[in-house]
Amino acid sequence: MRRLLITGAAGGVGTMLRSGLHGVADEMRLVDLRPIDGEDVMVGDITDLAFARSAIAGCDACVHLAAIPVEAPFDEILHANLLGAWTVFEAARLEGCERIVFASSNHATGFYPITRHVTTTDPVRPDTFYGASKVFGEALGSLYHDKFGLRVACIRIGSAIPRPLNTRYLSTWISPNDLARLVTACLTSPNLGFAIVYGVSRNQRGWWDLEPGRRLGYEPQDDSEQFAKDIEPGPDSEFQGGVEFTGPGTTP
């Protein structure tokens, strides 16, 4: 691959991924609303179609991470997450970028109970405006694949942090190295048409089906269980999205 674009490169997931994706492309182009110390970044608003086109021009693939990553008032989600997803897909179509890896979220199915093993063919059950915005991005990816031929992978990212922090994360954690493995598989698989995959390590306590990712070449290596003895019990929830997303008062 000659050139790869990463939007939202200064965010938490972008920071985890930048080093893990070195070598995937000859050149990596970074975009964010703010600069990154020591990095060459195109600073601008990806929800502006003209800017999005200039950012994606000449790129073979894009990892679209730019979004509000938590629940927020709907008008903010509408602008950053829904409009931002459309501008990236539309810019890719107009500029001939053939492959998009879209950062979806486990909160697209957050209202499934923790007793349920969830596959990517199960109906969506978003737990917030944020989760619903990721469902929209997945639908948009499906449209742009079917109508315009883009190759699209939507990754329902679990808890992408260096190590799990509470008992829920023992089910939802994806390690930095596994995240890089999964995104690399989505960027390089010759079998990708349109796919939804769960972004999670091979956790013993996992809730989600890993097979769609494996079909693209993702083989997770890490397991949250190594941290279990040091974990503080988290707030209990009957739902996979956790109390922060599914509890009372989580919709502004």
C-alpha atoms as a PDB file:
ATOM      1  CA  MET A   1       0.000   0.000   0.000  1.00  0.00           C
ATOM      2  CA  ARG A   2       1.374   3.365  -0.987  1.00  0.00           C
ATOM      3  CA  ARG A   3      -0.457   5.843   1.261  1.00  0.00           C
ATOM      4  CA  LEU A   4      -2.736   5.375   4.304  1.00  0.00           C
ATOM      5  CA  LEU A   5      -4.870   8.076   5.906  1.00  0.00           C
ATOM      6  CA  ILE A   6      -5.739   7.992   9.620  1.00  0.00           C
ATOM      7  CA  THR A   7      -8.409  10.443  10.792  1.00  0.00           C
ATOM      8  CA  GLY A   8      -8.651  11.270  14.476  1.00  0.00           C
ATOM      9  CA  ALA A   9      -4.974  10.399  14.777  1.00  0.00           C
ATOM     10  CA  ALA A  10      -4.492  12.330  18.021  1.00  0.00           C
ATOM     11  CA  GLY A  11      -7.258  10.492  19.885  1.00  0.00           C
ATOM     12  CA  GLY A  12      -6.910   7.545  22.221  1.00  0.00           C
ATOM     13  CA  VAL A  13      -7.294   4.825  19.601  1.00  0.00           C
ATOM     14  CA  GLY A  14      -5.279   6.789  17.047  1.00  0.00           C
ATOM     15  CA  THR A  15      -2.425   7.173  19.509  1.00  0.00           C
ATOM     16  CA  MET A  16      -2.465   3.415  20.162  1.00  0.00           C
ATOM     17  CA  LEU A  17      -2.515   2.602  16.454  1.00  0.00           C
ATOM     18  CA  ARG A  18       0.031   4.971  14.949  1.00  0.00           C
ATOM     19  CA  SER A  19       3.091   2.952  15.953  1.00  0.00           C
ATOM     20  CA  GLY A  20       1.370  -0.412  15.407  1.00  0.00           C
ATOM     21  CA  LEU A  21       0.605   0.384  11.782  1.00  0.00           C
ATOM     22  CA  HIS A  22       4.104   1.463  10.796  1.00  0.00           C
ATOM     23  CA  GLY A  23       5.130  -0.548   7.762  1.00  0.00           C
ATOM     24  CA  VAL A  24       1.602  -1.225   6.543  1.00  0.00           C
ATOM     25  CA  ALA A  25       1.943   1.610   4.019  1.00  0.00           C
ATOM     26  CA  ASP A  26       4.846   3.439   2.440  1.00  0.00           C
ATOM     27  CA  GLU A  27       3.422   6.704   3.756  1.00  0.00           C
ATOM     28  CA  MET A  28       1.032   7.446   6.611  1.00  0.00           C
ATOM     29  CA  ARG A  29      -0.996  10.666   6.488  1.00  0.00           C
ATOM     30  CA  LEU A  30      -2.427  11.870   9.814  1.00  0.00           C
ATOM     31  CA  VAL A  31      -5.460  14.128  10.263  1.00  0.00           C
ATOM     32  CA  ASP A  32      -6.881  15.678  13.419  1.00  0.00           C
ATOM     33  CA  LEU A  33      -8.394  18.857  14.798  1.00  0.00           C
ATOM     34  CA  ARG A  34      -5.181  19.496  16.699  1.00  0.00           C
ATOM     35  CA  PRO A  35      -1.464  18.976  16.053  1.00  0.00           C
ATOM     36  CA  ILE A  36       0.564  16.113  17.498  1.00  0.00           C
ATOM     37  CA  ASP A  37       4.003  16.854  18.915  1.00  0.00           C
ATOM     38  CA  GLY A  38       6.706  15.414  16.689  1.00  0.00           C
ATOM     39  CA  GLU A  39       4.300  14.323  13.950  1.00  0.00           C
ATOM     40  CA  ASP A  40       3.360  15.797  10.581  1.00  0.00           C
ATOM     41  CA  VAL A  41      -0.411  16.313  10.823  1.00  0.00           C
ATOM     42  CA  MET A  42      -2.987  17.848   8.512  1.00  0.00           C
ATOM     43  CA  VAL A  43      -4.983  19.964  10.950  1.00  0.00           C
ATOM     44  CA  GLY A  44      -8.596  20.512  10.025  1.00  0.00           C
ATOM     45  CA  ASP A  45     -12.222  19.460  10.404  1.00  0.00           C
ATOM     46  CA  ILE A  46     -12.950  16.181   8.641  1.00  0.00           C
ATOM     47  CA  THR A  47     -16.681  17.061   8.568  1.00  0.00           C
ATOM     48  CA  ASP A  48     -15.831  19.623   5.872  1.00  0.00           C
ATOM     49  CA  LEU A  49     -16.066  17.753   2.566  1.00  0.00           C
ATOM     50  CA  ALA A  50     -13.481  19.913   0.802  1.00  0.00           C
ATOM     51  CA  PHE A  51     -10.976  19.291   3.600  1.00  0.00           C
ATOM     52  CA  ALA A  52     -11.837  15.584   3.684  1.00  0.00           C
ATOM     53  CA  ARG A  53     -11.201  15.342  -0.058  1.00  0.00           C
ATOM     54  CA  SER A  54      -7.826  17.045   0.242  1.00  0.00           C
ATOM     55  CA  ALA A  55      -6.888  14.722   3.110  1.00  0.00           C
ATOM     56  CA  ILE A  56      -7.861  11.500   1.347  1.00  0.00           C
ATOM     57  CA  ALA A  57      -6.629  12.437  -2.126  1.00  0.00           C
ATOM     58  CA  GLY A  58      -3.967  10.002  -3.295  1.00  0.00           C
ATOM     59  CA  CYS A  59      -4.611   7.534  -0.457  1.00  0.00           C
ATOM     60  CA  ASP A  60      -5.201   3.842  -1.049  1.00  0.00           C
ATOM     61  CA  ALA A  61      -7.003   3.326   2.262  1.00  0.00           C
ATOM     62  CA  CYS A  62      -8.364   5.241   5.245  1.00  0.00           C
ATOM     63  CA  VAL A  63      -8.773   4.306   8.899  1.00  0.00           C
ATOM     64  CA  HIS A  64     -11.590   6.578  10.069  1.00  0.00           C
ATOM     65  CA  LEU A  65     -11.348   7.152  13.813  1.00  0.00           C
ATOM     66  CA  ALA A  66     -12.406  10.805  14.089  1.00  0.00           C
ATOM     67  CA  ALA A  67     -15.571  11.046  16.210  1.00  0.00           C
ATOM     68  CA  ILE A  68     -16.885  11.884  19.644  1.00  0.00           C
ATOM     69  CA  PRO A  69     -16.020   8.617  21.473  1.00  0.00           C
ATOM     70  CA  VAL A  70     -18.599   8.852  24.293  1.00  0.00           C
ATOM     71  CA  GLU A  71     -22.218   9.823  24.757  1.00  0.00           C
ATOM     72  CA  ALA A  72     -23.004  13.478  24.079  1.00  0.00           C
ATOM     73  CA  PRO A  73     -25.983  15.682  23.147  1.00  0.00           C
ATOM     74  CA  PHE A  74     -27.483  14.619  19.842  1.00  0.00           C
ATOM     75  CA  ASP A  75     -26.548  17.754  17.900  1.00  0.00           C
ATOM     76  CA  GLU A  76     -22.879  17.172  18.740  1.00  0.00           C
ATOM     77  CA  ILE A  77     -23.099  13.488  17.767  1.00  0.00           C
ATOM     78  CA  LEU A  78     -24.915  14.476  14.570  1.00  0.00           C
ATOM     79  CA  HIS A  79     -22.132  16.806  13.464  1.00  0.00           C
ATOM     80  CA  ALA A  80     -19.029  14.887  14.478  1.00  0.00           C
ATOM     81  CA  ASN A  81     -20.109  11.272  14.068  1.00  0.00           C
ATOM     82  CA  LEU A  82     -22.838  11.141  11.437  1.00  0.00           C
ATOM     83  CA  LEU A  83     -21.747  14.005   9.199  1.00  0.00           C
ATOM     84  CA  GLY A  84     -18.096  13.056   9.718  1.00  0.00           C
ATOM     85  CA  ALA A  85     -18.738   9.477   8.591  1.00  0.00           C
ATOM     86  CA  TRP A  86     -20.550  10.657   5.465  1.00  0.00           C
ATOM     87  CA  THR A  87     -17.834  13.129   4.459  1.00  0.00           C
ATOM     88  CA  VAL A  88     -15.139  10.440   4.738  1.00  0.00           C
ATOM     89  CA  PHE A  89     -17.063   7.879   2.684  1.00  0.00           C
ATOM     90  CA  GLU A  90     -18.063  10.483   0.111  1.00  0.00           C
ATOM     91  CA  ALA A  91     -14.529  11.869  -0.115  1.00  0.00           C
ATOM     92  CA  ALA A  92     -13.213   8.342  -0.599  1.00  0.00           C
ATOM     93  CA  ARG A  93     -15.669   7.779  -3.448  1.00  0.00           C
ATOM     94  CA  LEU A  94     -14.835  11.064  -5.129  1.00  0.00           C
ATOM     95  CA  GLU A  95     -11.057  10.692  -4.752  1.00  0.00           C
ATOM     96  CA  GLY A  96     -10.792   6.997  -5.615  1.00  0.00           C
ATOM     97  CA  CYS A  97      -9.729   5.699  -2.197  1.00  0.00           C
ATOM     98  CA  GLU A  98     -10.718   2.047  -2.387  1.00  0.00           C
ATOM     99  CA  ARG A  99     -10.721   0.830   1.231  1.00  0.00           C
ATOM    100  CA  ILE A 100     -12.180   2.231   4.465  1.00  0.00           C
ATOM    101  CA  VAL A 101     -11.740   0.838   7.957  1.00  0.00           C
ATOM    102  CA  PHE A 102     -14.487   2.448  10.025  1.00  0.00           C
ATOM    103  CA  ALA A 103     -14.196   2.615  13.812  1.00  0.00           C
ATOM    104  CA  SER A 104     -17.574   1.387  14.979  1.00  0.00           C
ATOM    105  CA  SER A 105     -18.208   0.409  18.602  1.00  0.00           C
ATOM    106  CA  ASN A 106     -19.488  -2.372  20.798  1.00  0.00           C
ATOM    107  CA  HIS A 107     -22.124   0.160  21.864  1.00  0.00           C
ATOM    108  CA  ALA A 108     -23.921  -0.607  18.601  1.00  0.00           C
ATOM    109  CA  THR A 109     -25.089  -3.728  20.452  1.00  0.00           C
ATOM    110  CA  GLY A 110     -24.753  -2.491  24.031  1.00  0.00           C
ATOM    111  CA  PHE A 111     -28.255  -3.439  25.135  1.00  0.00           C
ATOM    112  CA  TYR A 112     -27.675  -7.172  24.762  1.00  0.00           C
ATOM    113  CA  PRO A 113     -27.475  -8.880  28.161  1.00  0.00           C
ATOM    114  CA  ILE A 114     -24.094 -10.038  29.424  1.00  0.00           C
ATOM    115  CA  THR A 115     -25.400 -13.618  29.274  1.00  0.00           C
ATOM    116  CA  ARG A 116     -25.747 -13.441  25.465  1.00  0.00           C
ATOM    117  CA  HIS A 117     -23.052 -14.435  22.936  1.00  0.00           C
ATOM    118  CA  VAL A 118     -23.453 -11.828  20.193  1.00  0.00           C
ATOM    119  CA  THR A 119     -22.588 -12.264  16.524  1.00  0.00           C
ATOM    120  CA  THR A 120     -22.371  -9.638  13.811  1.00  0.00           C
ATOM    121  CA  THR A 121     -25.557 -11.004  12.230  1.00  0.00           C
ATOM    122  CA  ASP A 122     -27.652 -10.290  15.346  1.00  0.00           C
ATOM    123  CA  PRO A 123     -29.885  -7.196  15.156  1.00  0.00           C
ATOM    124  CA  VAL A 124     -28.287  -3.998  16.439  1.00  0.00           C
ATOM    125  CA  ARG A 125     -29.248  -2.791  19.926  1.00  0.00           C
ATOM    126  CA  PRO A 126     -27.500   0.570  20.438  1.00  0.00           C
ATOM    127  CA  ASP A 127     -27.340   1.878  23.977  1.00  0.00           C
ATOM    128  CA  THR A 128     -26.910   5.624  23.321  1.00  0.00           C
ATOM    129  CA  PHE A 129     -26.913   8.293  20.627  1.00  0.00           C
ATOM    130  CA  TYR A 130     -23.212   7.437  20.341  1.00  0.00           C
ATOM    131  CA  GLY A 131     -23.996   3.767  19.729  1.00  0.00           C
ATOM    132  CA  ALA A 132     -26.694   4.696  17.216  1.00  0.00           C
ATOM    133  CA  SER A 133     -24.214   6.904  15.355  1.00  0.00           C
ATOM    134  CA  LYS A 134     -21.971   3.869  14.895  1.00  0.00           C
ATOM    135  CA  VAL A 135     -24.906   1.875  13.534  1.00  0.00           C
ATOM    136  CA  PHE A 136     -25.386   4.695  11.012  1.00  0.00           C
ATOM    137  CA  GLY A 137     -21.710   4.491  10.029  1.00  0.00           C
ATOM    138  CA  GLU A 138     -22.006   0.742   9.476  1.00  0.00           C
ATOM    139  CA  ALA A 139     -25.085   1.240   7.283  1.00  0.00           C
ATOM    140  CA  LEU A 140     -23.280   3.940   5.334  1.00  0.00           C
ATOM    141  CA  GLY A 141     -20.342   1.587   4.804  1.00  0.00           C
ATOM    142  CA  SER A 142     -22.696  -1.078   3.480  1.00  0.00           C
ATOM    143  CA  LEU A 143     -24.246   1.440   1.082  1.00  0.00           C
ATOM    144  CA  TYR A 144     -20.900   2.654  -0.239  1.00  0.00           C
ATOM    145  CA  HIS A 145     -19.759  -0.931  -0.753  1.00  0.00           C
ATOM    146  CA  ASP A 146     -22.888  -2.071  -2.568  1.00  0.00           C
ATOM    147  CA  LYS A 147     -23.430   1.075  -4.619  1.00  0.00           C
ATOM    148  CA  PHE A 148     -19.882   2.277  -5.299  1.00  0.00           C
ATOM    149  CA  GLY A 149     -17.661  -0.755  -4.747  1.00  0.00           C
ATOM    150  CA  LEU A 150     -15.644   0.485  -1.762  1.00  0.00           C
ATOM    151  CA  ARG A 151     -14.092  -2.205   0.406  1.00  0.00           C
ATOM    152  CA  VAL A 152     -15.310  -1.500   3.931  1.00  0.00           C
ATOM    153  CA  ALA A 153     -14.549  -3.037   7.318  1.00  0.00           C
ATOM    154  CA  CYS A 154     -16.496  -1.815  10.346  1.00  0.00           C
ATOM    155  CA  ILE A 155     -14.744  -2.680  13.609  1.00  0.00           C
ATOM    156  CA  ARG A 156     -16.969  -2.739  16.687  1.00  0.00           C
ATOM    157  CA  ILE A 157     -14.148  -1.783  19.020  1.00  0.00           C
ATOM    158  CA  GLY A 158     -14.387  -3.038  22.589  1.00  0.00           C
ATOM    159  CA  SER A 159     -12.241  -1.433  25.285  1.00  0.00           C
ATOM    160  CA  ALA A 160      -9.083  -0.279  23.501  1.00  0.00           C
ATOM    161  CA  ILE A 161      -6.812   0.566  26.410  1.00  0.00           C
ATOM    162  CA  PRO A 162      -3.397  -0.673  27.561  1.00  0.00           C
ATOM    163  CA  ARG A 163      -4.889  -2.963  30.214  1.00  0.00           C
ATOM    164  CA  PRO A 164      -8.392  -3.745  31.551  1.00  0.00           C
ATOM    165  CA  LEU A 165      -9.526  -1.585  34.456  1.00  0.00           C
ATOM    166  CA  ASN A 166     -12.543  -3.453  35.853  1.00  0.00           C
ATOM    167  CA  THR A 167     -14.447  -6.703  35.508  1.00  0.00           C
ATOM    168  CA  ARG A 168     -16.448  -5.585  32.438  1.00  0.00           C
ATOM    169  CA  TYR A 169     -13.203  -4.958  30.593  1.00  0.00           C
ATOM    170  CA  LEU A 170     -12.198  -8.586  31.118  1.00  0.00           C
ATOM    171  CA  SER A 171     -14.880  -9.321  28.500  1.00  0.00           C
ATOM    172  CA  THR A 172     -14.450  -6.271  26.236  1.00  0.00           C
ATOM    173  CA  TRP A 173     -10.692  -5.550  26.226  1.00  0.00           C
ATOM    174  CA  ILE A 174      -8.610  -5.396  23.062  1.00  0.00           C
ATOM    175  CA  SER A 175      -4.877  -5.004  23.579  1.00  0.00           C
ATOM    176  CA  PRO A 176      -2.889  -2.421  21.619  1.00  0.00           C
ATOM    177  CA  ASN A 177      -1.085  -5.200  19.739  1.00  0.00           C
ATOM    178  CA  ASP A 178      -4.302  -7.035  18.868  1.00  0.00           C
ATOM    179  CA  LEU A 179      -5.889  -3.780  17.730  1.00  0.00           C
ATOM    180  CA  ALA A 180      -2.972  -3.246  15.342  1.00  0.00           C
ATOM    181  CA  ARG A 181      -3.286  -6.861  14.149  1.00  0.00           C
ATOM    182  CA  LEU A 182      -6.990  -6.443  13.441  1.00  0.00           C
ATOM    183  CA  VAL A 183      -6.700  -3.119  11.636  1.00  0.00           C
ATOM    184  CA  THR A 184      -3.784  -4.472   9.593  1.00  0.00           C
ATOM    185  CA  ALA A 185      -5.886  -7.494   8.595  1.00  0.00           C
ATOM    186  CA  CYS A 186      -8.736  -5.211   7.523  1.00  0.00           C
ATOM    187  CA  LEU A 187      -6.331  -3.061   5.501  1.00  0.00           C
ATOM    188  CA  THR A 188      -4.613  -5.936   3.726  1.00  0.00           C
ATOM    189  CA  SER A 189      -7.097  -8.795   3.377  1.00  0.00           C
ATOM    190  CA  PRO A 190      -7.827  -9.669  -0.266  1.00  0.00           C
ATOM    191  CA  ASN A 191     -11.137 -11.142   0.932  1.00  0.00           C
ATOM    192  CA  LEU A 192     -12.619  -7.876   2.204  1.00  0.00           C
ATOM    193  CA  GLY A 193     -15.816  -6.714   0.547  1.00  0.00           C
ATOM    194  CA  PHE A 194     -18.051  -5.419   3.335  1.00  0.00           C
ATOM    195  CA  ALA A 195     -17.566  -6.771   6.840  1.00  0.00           C
ATOM    196  CA  ILE A 196     -18.542  -6.030  10.415  1.00  0.00           C
ATOM    197  CA  VAL A 197     -16.121  -7.473  12.962  1.00  0.00           C
ATOM    198  CA  TYR A 198     -15.768  -7.227  16.719  1.00  0.00           C
ATOM    199  CA  GLY A 199     -12.571  -5.590  17.939  1.00  0.00           C
ATOM    200  CA  VAL A 200     -11.671  -7.693  20.959  1.00  0.00           C
ATOM    201  CA  SER A 201      -8.815  -9.877  22.128  1.00  0.00           C
ATOM    202  CA  ARG A 202      -9.271 -13.621  22.672  1.00  0.00           C
ATOM    203  CA  ASN A 203     -10.574 -13.106  26.194  1.00  0.00           C
ATOM    204  CA  GLN A 204     -11.786 -16.153  28.078  1.00  0.00           C
ATOM    205  CA  ARG A 205     -14.738 -14.089  29.279  1.00  0.00           C
ATOM    206  CA  GLY A 206     -15.513 -12.577  25.853  1.00  0.00           C
ATOM    207  CA  TRP A 207     -19.093 -12.026  24.696  1.00  0.00           C
ATOM    208  CA  TRP A 208     -18.570 -11.545  20.966  1.00  0.00           C
ATOM    209  CA  ASP A 209     -17.980 -13.704  17.909  1.00  0.00           C
ATOM    210  CA  LEU A 210     -14.386 -13.499  16.611  1.00  0.00           C
ATOM    211  CA  GLU A 211     -14.923 -15.485  13.411  1.00  0.00           C
ATOM    212  CA  PRO A 212     -15.714 -12.548  11.079  1.00  0.00           C
ATOM    213  CA  GLY A 213     -12.337 -11.043  11.971  1.00  0.00           C
ATOM    214  CA  ARG A 214     -10.566 -14.368  11.555  1.00  0.00           C
ATOM    215  CA  ARG A 215     -11.974 -14.654   8.035  1.00  0.00           C
ATOM    216  CA  LEU A 216     -10.009 -11.500   7.223  1.00  0.00           C
ATOM    217  CA  GLY A 217      -6.819 -12.897   8.769  1.00  0.00           C
ATOM    218  CA  TYR A 218      -7.110 -11.569  12.342  1.00  0.00           C
ATOM    219  CA  GLU A 219      -5.641 -13.906  14.937  1.00  0.00           C
ATOM    220  CA  PRO A 220      -5.783 -12.302  18.399  1.00  0.00           C
ATOM    221  CA  GLN A 221      -2.911 -13.204  20.682  1.00  0.00           C
ATOM    222  CA  ASP A 222      -3.787 -11.607  24.024  1.00  0.00           C
ATOM    223  CA  ASP A 223      -6.217 -12.498  26.810  1.00  0.00           C
ATOM    224  CA  SER A 224      -7.457 -10.178  29.550  1.00  0.00           C
ATOM    225  CA  GLU A 225      -7.378 -13.056  32.044  1.00  0.00           C
ATOM    226  CA  GLN A 226      -3.727 -12.311  32.822  1.00  0.00           C
ATOM    227  CA  PHE A 227      -4.945  -9.165  34.622  1.00  0.00           C
ATOM    228  CA  ALA A 228      -7.940 -10.728  36.412  1.00  0.00           C
ATOM    229  CA  LYS A 229      -6.329 -11.141  39.817  1.00  0.00           C
ATOM    230  CA  ASP A 230      -5.475  -7.437  39.976  1.00  0.00           C
ATOM    231  CA  ILE A 231      -8.834  -6.084  38.803  1.00  0.00           C
ATOM    232  CA  GLU A 232     -11.136  -4.119  41.063  1.00  0.00           C
ATOM    233  CA  PRO A 233     -14.800  -5.097  40.716  1.00  0.00           C
ATOM    234  CA  GLY A 234     -16.577  -2.646  38.451  1.00  0.00           C
ATOM    235  CA  PRO A 235     -20.156  -1.361  38.689  1.00  0.00           C
ATOM    236  CA  ASP A 236     -22.500  -4.216  37.825  1.00  0.00           C
ATOM    237  CA  SER A 237     -24.726  -4.063  34.751  1.00  0.00           C
ATOM    238  CA  GLU A 238     -26.967  -6.650  33.150  1.00  0.00           C
ATOM    239  CA  PHE A 239     -26.106  -5.177  29.745  1.00  0.00           C
ATOM    240  CA  GLN A 240     -22.930  -5.449  27.706  1.00  0.00           C
ATOM    241  CA  GLY A 241     -22.658  -1.676  27.234  1.00  0.00           C
ATOM    242  CA  GLY A 242     -22.031  -1.181  30.955  1.00  0.00           C
ATOM    243  CA  VAL A 243     -23.773   1.117  33.397  1.00  0.00           C
ATOM    244  CA  GLU A 244     -22.020   4.218  32.048  1.00  0.00           C
ATOM    245  CA  PHE A 245     -23.900   3.757  28.758  1.00  0.00           C
ATOM    246  CA  THR A 246     -27.033   1.741  29.639  1.00  0.00           C
ATOM    247  CA  GLY A 247     -27.804   3.093  33.098  1.00  0.00           C
ATOM    248  CA  PRO A 248     -30.398   5.761  33.900  1.00  0.00           C
ATOM    249  CA  GLY A 249     -29.659   9.270  32.725  1.00  0.00           C
ATOM    250  CA  THR A 250     -27.110   8.367  30.064  1.00  0.00           C
ATOM    251  CA  THR A 251     -28.997  10.070  27.224  1.00  0.00           C
ATOM    252  CA  PRO A 252     -28.622  13.872  27.433  1.00  0.00           C
END
